[in-house]
Amino acid sequence: LTHTPAAMARNSGRVLAVAGACAAVSLVGQCFVPGPQAAPVHELSTFNPALAASAALPVLTMLAEDAEAKYGDSRRWSAVLVPLTTLVIPAVAMGIFTIYVSSDDAFYQFRAGHPRGMREEKELYSNPLYAGRKNPMEGLV
């Protein structure tokens, strides 16, 4: 028995082919659908909305326009997107940053352990209606 690289490549190819054949044989049982047992009895007057929608789809696709870029579309979108991206979004971001920097209590709801948030939580839980709010078993039998 020789263990040359060519012989090892042939053997690994055979092993791979055998593994593939075993996988194919194991999947053959799942490829076939069994025959129908007994046809279900349906009423003739029932309305099937899924069937009606699938029947209407070809008509709706005939009404659609072809997807093509027109000259007026790019100008229309530019009229909206350029001011939005150069004026509105930066102004909102700068305003939020200014509020965050200038105030100690800005966005305290998003900071865990903030003194104001802890004070409000303590006030909330002092109310009897919210006393057991954090207990997941509160109100269960």
C-alpha atoms as a PDB file:
ATOM      1  CA  LEU A   1       0.000   0.000   0.000  1.00  0.00           C
ATOM      2  CA  THR A   2       1.529   3.301  -1.077  1.00  0.00           C
ATOM      3  CA  HIS A   3       0.781   6.621   0.522  1.00  0.00           C
ATOM      4  CA  THR A   4       1.643   8.979  -2.269  1.00  0.00           C
ATOM      5  CA  PRO A   5      -0.119  12.345  -2.546  1.00  0.00           C
ATOM      6  CA  ALA A   6      -1.957  11.195  -5.673  1.00  0.00           C
ATOM      7  CA  ALA A   7      -3.241   8.059  -3.926  1.00  0.00           C
ATOM      8  CA  MET A   8      -4.362  10.085  -0.890  1.00  0.00           C
ATOM      9  CA  ALA A   9      -6.184  12.560  -3.161  1.00  0.00           C
ATOM     10  CA  ARG A  10      -7.959   9.668  -4.886  1.00  0.00           C
ATOM     11  CA  ASN A  11      -8.971   8.191  -1.528  1.00  0.00           C
ATOM     12  CA  SER A  12     -10.252  11.515  -0.189  1.00  0.00           C
ATOM     13  CA  GLY A  13     -12.193  11.999  -3.428  1.00  0.00           C
ATOM     14  CA  ARG A  14     -13.780   8.583  -2.966  1.00  0.00           C
ATOM     15  CA  VAL A  15     -14.655   9.341   0.644  1.00  0.00           C
ATOM     16  CA  LEU A  16     -16.213  12.627  -0.431  1.00  0.00           C
ATOM     17  CA  ALA A  17     -18.189  10.871  -3.180  1.00  0.00           C
ATOM     18  CA  VAL A  18     -19.448   8.217  -0.736  1.00  0.00           C
ATOM     19  CA  ALA A  19     -20.456  10.920   1.786  1.00  0.00           C
ATOM     20  CA  GLY A  20     -22.309  12.817  -0.948  1.00  0.00           C
ATOM     21  CA  ALA A  21     -24.099   9.660  -2.066  1.00  0.00           C
ATOM     22  CA  CYS A  22     -25.152   8.895   1.525  1.00  0.00           C
ATOM     23  CA  ALA A  23     -26.485  12.440   1.944  1.00  0.00           C
ATOM     24  CA  ALA A  24     -28.405  12.161  -1.334  1.00  0.00           C
ATOM     25  CA  VAL A  25     -29.936   8.830  -0.318  1.00  0.00           C
ATOM     26  CA  SER A  26     -30.985  10.232   3.068  1.00  0.00           C
ATOM     27  CA  LEU A  27     -32.672  13.217   1.371  1.00  0.00           C
ATOM     28  CA  VAL A  28     -34.557  11.111  -1.201  1.00  0.00           C
ATOM     29  CA  GLY A  29     -37.280  10.286   1.328  1.00  0.00           C
ATOM     30  CA  GLN A  30     -37.991  13.972   1.873  1.00  0.00           C
ATOM     31  CA  CYS A  31     -38.173  14.800  -1.833  1.00  0.00           C
ATOM     32  CA  PHE A  32     -41.397  12.970  -2.557  1.00  0.00           C
ATOM     33  CA  VAL A  33     -44.812  14.054  -1.346  1.00  0.00           C
ATOM     34  CA  PRO A  34     -47.227  11.311  -0.319  1.00  0.00           C
ATOM     35  CA  GLY A  35     -50.452  10.917  -2.271  1.00  0.00           C
ATOM     36  CA  PRO A  36     -53.677  12.503  -1.024  1.00  0.00           C
ATOM     37  CA  GLN A  37     -55.646  10.553   1.539  1.00  0.00           C
ATOM     38  CA  ALA A  38     -59.169  11.896   1.301  1.00  0.00           C
ATOM     39  CA  ALA A  39     -60.136  15.150  -0.343  1.00  0.00           C
ATOM     40  CA  PRO A  40     -61.385  17.655   2.239  1.00  0.00           C
ATOM     41  CA  VAL A  41     -64.992  18.695   1.869  1.00  0.00           C
ATOM     42  CA  HIS A  42     -65.355  22.433   1.196  1.00  0.00           C
ATOM     43  CA  GLU A  43     -68.464  24.513   0.960  1.00  0.00           C
ATOM     44  CA  LEU A  44     -68.995  25.969  -2.480  1.00  0.00           C
ATOM     45  CA  SER A  45     -70.027  29.404  -1.228  1.00  0.00           C
ATOM     46  CA  THR A  46     -66.944  30.259   0.870  1.00  0.00           C
ATOM     47  CA  PHE A  47     -64.877  33.269  -0.176  1.00  0.00           C
ATOM     48  CA  ASN A  48     -61.123  32.836  -0.162  1.00  0.00           C
ATOM     49  CA  PRO A  49     -59.411  36.275   0.001  1.00  0.00           C
ATOM     50  CA  ALA A  50     -55.966  34.809  -0.741  1.00  0.00           C
ATOM     51  CA  LEU A  51     -57.300  33.255  -3.931  1.00  0.00           C
ATOM     52  CA  ALA A  52     -58.941  36.518  -4.968  1.00  0.00           C
ATOM     53  CA  ALA A  53     -55.708  38.459  -4.339  1.00  0.00           C
ATOM     54  CA  SER A  54     -53.637  35.993  -6.335  1.00  0.00           C
ATOM     55  CA  ALA A  55     -56.125  36.243  -9.207  1.00  0.00           C
ATOM     56  CA  ALA A  56     -55.900  40.064  -9.159  1.00  0.00           C
ATOM     57  CA  LEU A  57     -52.078  40.236  -9.121  1.00  0.00           C
ATOM     58  CA  PRO A  58     -51.533  39.812 -12.894  1.00  0.00           C
ATOM     59  CA  VAL A  59     -53.939  42.674 -13.583  1.00  0.00           C
ATOM     60  CA  LEU A  60     -52.131  44.914 -11.100  1.00  0.00           C
ATOM     61  CA  THR A  61     -48.746  44.191 -12.651  1.00  0.00           C
ATOM     62  CA  MET A  62     -50.040  45.151 -16.086  1.00  0.00           C
ATOM     63  CA  LEU A  63     -51.049  48.558 -14.709  1.00  0.00           C
ATOM     64  CA  ALA A  64     -47.609  49.328 -13.263  1.00  0.00           C
ATOM     65  CA  GLU A  65     -45.205  51.581 -15.127  1.00  0.00           C
ATOM     66  CA  ASP A  66     -41.752  50.506 -16.148  1.00  0.00           C
ATOM     67  CA  ALA A  67     -39.019  51.371 -13.679  1.00  0.00           C
ATOM     68  CA  GLU A  68     -36.959  54.062 -15.307  1.00  0.00           C
ATOM     69  CA  ALA A  69     -35.203  57.168 -14.107  1.00  0.00           C
ATOM     70  CA  LYS A  70     -36.623  60.348 -15.527  1.00  0.00           C
ATOM     71  CA  TYR A  71     -34.954  63.725 -15.568  1.00  0.00           C
ATOM     72  CA  GLY A  72     -37.603  65.414 -13.458  1.00  0.00           C
ATOM     73  CA  ASP A  73     -37.398  62.760 -10.708  1.00  0.00           C
ATOM     74  CA  SER A  74     -33.794  63.508  -9.794  1.00  0.00           C
ATOM     75  CA  ARG A  75     -34.466  67.237  -9.594  1.00  0.00           C
ATOM     76  CA  ARG A  76     -37.528  66.636  -7.436  1.00  0.00           C
ATOM     77  CA  TRP A  77     -35.608  64.438  -5.018  1.00  0.00           C
ATOM     78  CA  SER A  78     -32.681  66.832  -4.943  1.00  0.00           C
ATOM     79  CA  ALA A  79     -35.035  69.608  -3.924  1.00  0.00           C
ATOM     80  CA  VAL A  80     -35.970  67.559  -0.838  1.00  0.00           C
ATOM     81  CA  LEU A  81     -32.790  65.704   0.079  1.00  0.00           C
ATOM     82  CA  VAL A  82     -30.208  68.484  -0.288  1.00  0.00           C
ATOM     83  CA  PRO A  83     -31.826  70.862   2.231  1.00  0.00           C
ATOM     84  CA  LEU A  84     -32.658  67.952   4.514  1.00  0.00           C
ATOM     85  CA  THR A  85     -29.110  66.617   4.640  1.00  0.00           C
ATOM     86  CA  THR A  86     -27.321  69.979   4.692  1.00  0.00           C
ATOM     87  CA  LEU A  87     -29.628  72.105   6.851  1.00  0.00           C
ATOM     88  CA  VAL A  88     -32.204  70.198   8.866  1.00  0.00           C
ATOM     89  CA  ILE A  89     -30.297  67.134  10.086  1.00  0.00           C
ATOM     90  CA  PRO A  90     -27.125  69.050  11.095  1.00  0.00           C
ATOM     91  CA  ALA A  91     -29.206  71.749  12.840  1.00  0.00           C
ATOM     92  CA  VAL A  92     -31.112  69.129  14.859  1.00  0.00           C
ATOM     93  CA  ALA A  93     -27.883  67.318  15.748  1.00  0.00           C
ATOM     94  CA  MET A  94     -26.174  70.539  16.838  1.00  0.00           C
ATOM     95  CA  GLY A  95     -29.213  71.544  18.900  1.00  0.00           C
ATOM     96  CA  ILE A  96     -29.300  68.200  20.700  1.00  0.00           C
ATOM     97  CA  PHE A  97     -25.553  68.410  21.367  1.00  0.00           C
ATOM     98  CA  THR A  98     -25.892  71.967  22.723  1.00  0.00           C
ATOM     99  CA  ILE A  99     -28.678  70.926  25.087  1.00  0.00           C
ATOM    100  CA  TYR A 100     -26.627  67.918  26.218  1.00  0.00           C
ATOM    101  CA  VAL A 101     -23.516  69.990  26.914  1.00  0.00           C
ATOM    102  CA  SER A 102     -25.231  72.939  28.576  1.00  0.00           C
ATOM    103  CA  SER A 103     -27.486  71.076  31.006  1.00  0.00           C
ATOM    104  CA  ASP A 104     -26.651  68.485  33.643  1.00  0.00           C
ATOM    105  CA  ASP A 105     -30.163  67.062  33.530  1.00  0.00           C
ATOM    106  CA  ALA A 106     -30.406  66.765  29.746  1.00  0.00           C
ATOM    107  CA  PHE A 107     -31.498  63.282  28.674  1.00  0.00           C
ATOM    108  CA  TYR A 108     -31.346  61.978  32.240  1.00  0.00           C
ATOM    109  CA  GLN A 109     -33.891  59.292  31.301  1.00  0.00           C
ATOM    110  CA  PHE A 110     -31.198  57.522  29.259  1.00  0.00           C
ATOM    111  CA  ARG A 111     -28.513  57.606  31.979  1.00  0.00           C
ATOM    112  CA  ALA A 112     -28.695  54.826  34.535  1.00  0.00           C
ATOM    113  CA  GLY A 113     -28.177  55.994  38.095  1.00  0.00           C
ATOM    114  CA  HIS A 114     -28.734  59.699  37.380  1.00  0.00           C
ATOM    115  CA  PRO A 115     -29.850  61.470  40.591  1.00  0.00           C
ATOM    116  CA  ARG A 116     -32.910  63.072  39.009  1.00  0.00           C
ATOM    117  CA  GLY A 117     -34.012  59.769  37.463  1.00  0.00           C
ATOM    118  CA  MET A 118     -33.567  57.972  40.775  1.00  0.00           C
ATOM    119  CA  ARG A 119     -35.549  60.688  42.566  1.00  0.00           C
ATOM    120  CA  GLU A 120     -38.419  60.431  40.073  1.00  0.00           C
ATOM    121  CA  GLU A 121     -38.384  56.645  40.286  1.00  0.00           C
ATOM    122  CA  LYS A 122     -38.576  56.854  44.083  1.00  0.00           C
ATOM    123  CA  GLU A 123     -41.523  59.248  43.816  1.00  0.00           C
ATOM    124  CA  LEU A 124     -43.230  56.937  41.328  1.00  0.00           C
ATOM    125  CA  TYR A 125     -42.879  53.851  43.512  1.00  0.00           C
ATOM    126  CA  SER A 126     -44.136  55.718  46.560  1.00  0.00           C
ATOM    127  CA  ASN A 127     -47.539  55.748  44.830  1.00  0.00           C
ATOM    128  CA  PRO A 128     -49.441  52.571  45.850  1.00  0.00           C
ATOM    129  CA  LEU A 129     -50.586  51.945  42.271  1.00  0.00           C
ATOM    130  CA  TYR A 130     -46.978  51.534  41.110  1.00  0.00           C
ATOM    131  CA  ALA A 131     -45.489  49.982  44.244  1.00  0.00           C
ATOM    132  CA  GLY A 132     -44.795  46.536  42.760  1.00  0.00           C
ATOM    133  CA  ARG A 133     -44.135  47.595  39.193  1.00  0.00           C
ATOM    134  CA  LYS A 134     -40.653  46.095  38.941  1.00  0.00           C
ATOM    135  CA  ASN A 135     -41.683  42.763  40.455  1.00  0.00           C
ATOM    136  CA  PRO A 136     -42.541  40.430  37.526  1.00  0.00           C
ATOM    137  CA  MET A 137     -44.674  38.224  39.785  1.00  0.00           C
ATOM    138  CA  GLU A 138     -46.807  41.116  41.060  1.00  0.00           C
ATOM    139  CA  GLY A 139     -50.498  40.490  40.429  1.00  0.00           C
ATOM    140  CA  LEU A 140     -50.114  36.802  39.554  1.00  0.00           C
ATOM    141  CA  VAL A 141     -52.025  34.151  41.467  1.00  0.00           C
END
